[in-house]
């Protein structure tokens, strides 16, 4: 498996915006993103930190992979 890039919360949000996710709200340092597709609500919670830990980023990619093809995600999240 390729190595994950070092990304900030803002970077992750900008990437997920390209796949149709929009900021729903923010509570503290966590931002909730939502995408409605075919009457199905898809929600992700992203920490708005300067650098997201590798394990957290891997979990975000895994969760987003339920909604977006892993091939498309690999282009943005892996080196």
C-alpha atoms as a PDB file:
ATOM      1  CA  UNK A   1       0.000   0.000   0.000  1.00  0.00           C
ATOM      2  CA  UNK A   2       1.379   3.447  -0.871  1.00  0.00           C
ATOM      3  CA  UNK A   3       2.211   5.929   1.853  1.00  0.00           C
ATOM      4  CA  UNK A   4      -0.435   8.437   2.949  1.00  0.00           C
ATOM      5  CA  UNK A   5       0.294  12.101   2.318  1.00  0.00           C
ATOM      6  CA  UNK A   6       0.525  14.508   5.239  1.00  0.00           C
ATOM      7  CA  UNK A   7      -2.687  16.521   4.976  1.00  0.00           C
ATOM      8  CA  UNK A   8      -4.445  19.129   7.073  1.00  0.00           C
ATOM      9  CA  UNK A   9      -8.144  19.065   7.847  1.00  0.00           C
ATOM     10  CA  UNK A  10      -8.644  21.873   5.351  1.00  0.00           C
ATOM     11  CA  UNK A  11      -6.877  19.845   2.628  1.00  0.00           C
ATOM     12  CA  UNK A  12      -9.127  16.838   3.291  1.00  0.00           C
ATOM     13  CA  UNK A  13     -12.246  19.008   3.155  1.00  0.00           C
ATOM     14  CA  UNK A  14     -11.158  20.541  -0.170  1.00  0.00           C
ATOM     15  CA  UNK A  15     -10.560  17.052  -1.610  1.00  0.00           C
ATOM     16  CA  UNK A  16     -13.928  15.748  -0.432  1.00  0.00           C
ATOM     17  CA  UNK A  17     -15.641  18.868  -1.826  1.00  0.00           C
ATOM     18  CA  UNK A  18     -14.571  17.658  -5.271  1.00  0.00           C
ATOM     19  CA  UNK A  19     -16.651  14.521  -4.681  1.00  0.00           C
ATOM     20  CA  UNK A  20     -19.787  16.444  -3.740  1.00  0.00           C
ATOM     21  CA  UNK A  21     -19.420  16.665   0.044  1.00  0.00           C
ATOM     22  CA  UNK A  22     -20.407  20.008   1.568  1.00  0.00           C
ATOM     23  CA  UNK A  23     -19.767  21.444   5.007  1.00  0.00           C
ATOM     24  CA  UNK A  24     -22.864  20.874   7.119  1.00  0.00           C
ATOM     25  CA  UNK A  25     -21.704  22.326  10.437  1.00  0.00           C
ATOM     26  CA  UNK A  26     -18.791  22.594  12.835  1.00  0.00           C
ATOM     27  CA  UNK A  27     -18.589  21.818  16.515  1.00  0.00           C
ATOM     28  CA  UNK A  28     -15.287  22.673  18.131  1.00  0.00           C
ATOM     29  CA  UNK A  29     -12.454  21.525  15.904  1.00  0.00           C
ATOM     30  CA  UNK A  30     -14.490  18.922  13.997  1.00  0.00           C
ATOM     31  CA  UNK A  31     -16.313  19.655  10.757  1.00  0.00           C
ATOM     32  CA  UNK A  32     -19.225  17.570   9.543  1.00  0.00           C
ATOM     33  CA  UNK A  33     -19.448  17.025   5.785  1.00  0.00           C
ATOM     34  CA  UNK A  34     -22.523  15.674   4.048  1.00  0.00           C
ATOM     35  CA  UNK A  35     -23.406  14.544   0.558  1.00  0.00           C
ATOM     36  CA  UNK A  36     -26.924  13.642  -0.548  1.00  0.00           C
ATOM     37  CA  UNK A  37     -26.956  11.284  -3.492  1.00  0.00           C
ATOM     38  CA  UNK A  38     -29.925   9.237  -4.679  1.00  0.00           C
ATOM     39  CA  UNK A  39     -31.856  10.098  -1.478  1.00  0.00           C
ATOM     40  CA  UNK A  40     -28.999   8.659   0.593  1.00  0.00           C
ATOM     41  CA  UNK A  41     -27.316  10.936   3.148  1.00  0.00           C
ATOM     42  CA  UNK A  42     -23.588  10.337   3.436  1.00  0.00           C
ATOM     43  CA  UNK A  43     -21.810  11.977   6.380  1.00  0.00           C
ATOM     44  CA  UNK A  44     -18.139  12.267   7.339  1.00  0.00           C
ATOM     45  CA  UNK A  45     -16.587  13.941  10.378  1.00  0.00           C
ATOM     46  CA  UNK A  46     -13.225  15.640   9.752  1.00  0.00           C
ATOM     47  CA  UNK A  47     -10.935  17.084  12.449  1.00  0.00           C
ATOM     48  CA  UNK A  48      -9.827  20.585  11.487  1.00  0.00           C
ATOM     49  CA  UNK A  49      -6.205  20.172  12.565  1.00  0.00           C
ATOM     50  CA  UNK A  50      -3.003  21.474  10.956  1.00  0.00           C
ATOM     51  CA  UNK A  51      -1.904  17.892  10.341  1.00  0.00           C
ATOM     52  CA  UNK A  52      -4.175  14.863  10.633  1.00  0.00           C
ATOM     53  CA  UNK A  53      -2.623  11.768  12.226  1.00  0.00           C
ATOM     54  CA  UNK A  54      -1.986   8.859   9.867  1.00  0.00           C
ATOM     55  CA  UNK A  55      -4.450   6.531  11.618  1.00  0.00           C
ATOM     56  CA  UNK A  56      -7.186   9.157  11.562  1.00  0.00           C
ATOM     57  CA  UNK A  57      -6.559   9.912   7.901  1.00  0.00           C
ATOM     58  CA  UNK A  58      -6.636   6.188   7.082  1.00  0.00           C
ATOM     59  CA  UNK A  59     -10.020   5.910   8.858  1.00  0.00           C
ATOM     60  CA  UNK A  60     -11.376   8.905   6.904  1.00  0.00           C
ATOM     61  CA  UNK A  61     -10.239   7.338   3.618  1.00  0.00           C
ATOM     62  CA  UNK A  62     -11.814   3.999   4.605  1.00  0.00           C
ATOM     63  CA  UNK A  63     -15.118   5.697   5.486  1.00  0.00           C
ATOM     64  CA  UNK A  64     -15.100   7.790   2.309  1.00  0.00           C
ATOM     65  CA  UNK A  65     -14.327   4.605   0.354  1.00  0.00           C
ATOM     66  CA  UNK A  66     -17.860   3.445   1.114  1.00  0.00           C
ATOM     67  CA  UNK A  67     -19.132   6.362  -0.959  1.00  0.00           C
ATOM     68  CA  UNK A  68     -16.324   7.006  -3.467  1.00  0.00           C
ATOM     69  CA  UNK A  69     -14.190   4.551  -5.430  1.00  0.00           C
ATOM     70  CA  UNK A  70     -10.838   3.848  -3.820  1.00  0.00           C
ATOM     71  CA  UNK A  71      -9.130   4.485  -7.158  1.00  0.00           C
ATOM     72  CA  UNK A  72     -10.348   8.081  -7.124  1.00  0.00           C
ATOM     73  CA  UNK A  73      -9.371   8.530  -3.471  1.00  0.00           C
ATOM     74  CA  UNK A  74      -5.884   7.088  -4.004  1.00  0.00           C
ATOM     75  CA  UNK A  75      -5.065   9.904  -6.450  1.00  0.00           C
ATOM     76  CA  UNK A  76      -5.623  12.495  -3.720  1.00  0.00           C
ATOM     77  CA  UNK A  77      -4.585  10.824  -0.458  1.00  0.00           C
ATOM     78  CA  UNK A  78      -1.588   8.640  -1.355  1.00  0.00           C
ATOM     79  CA  UNK A  79       1.887   9.639  -2.555  1.00  0.00           C
END
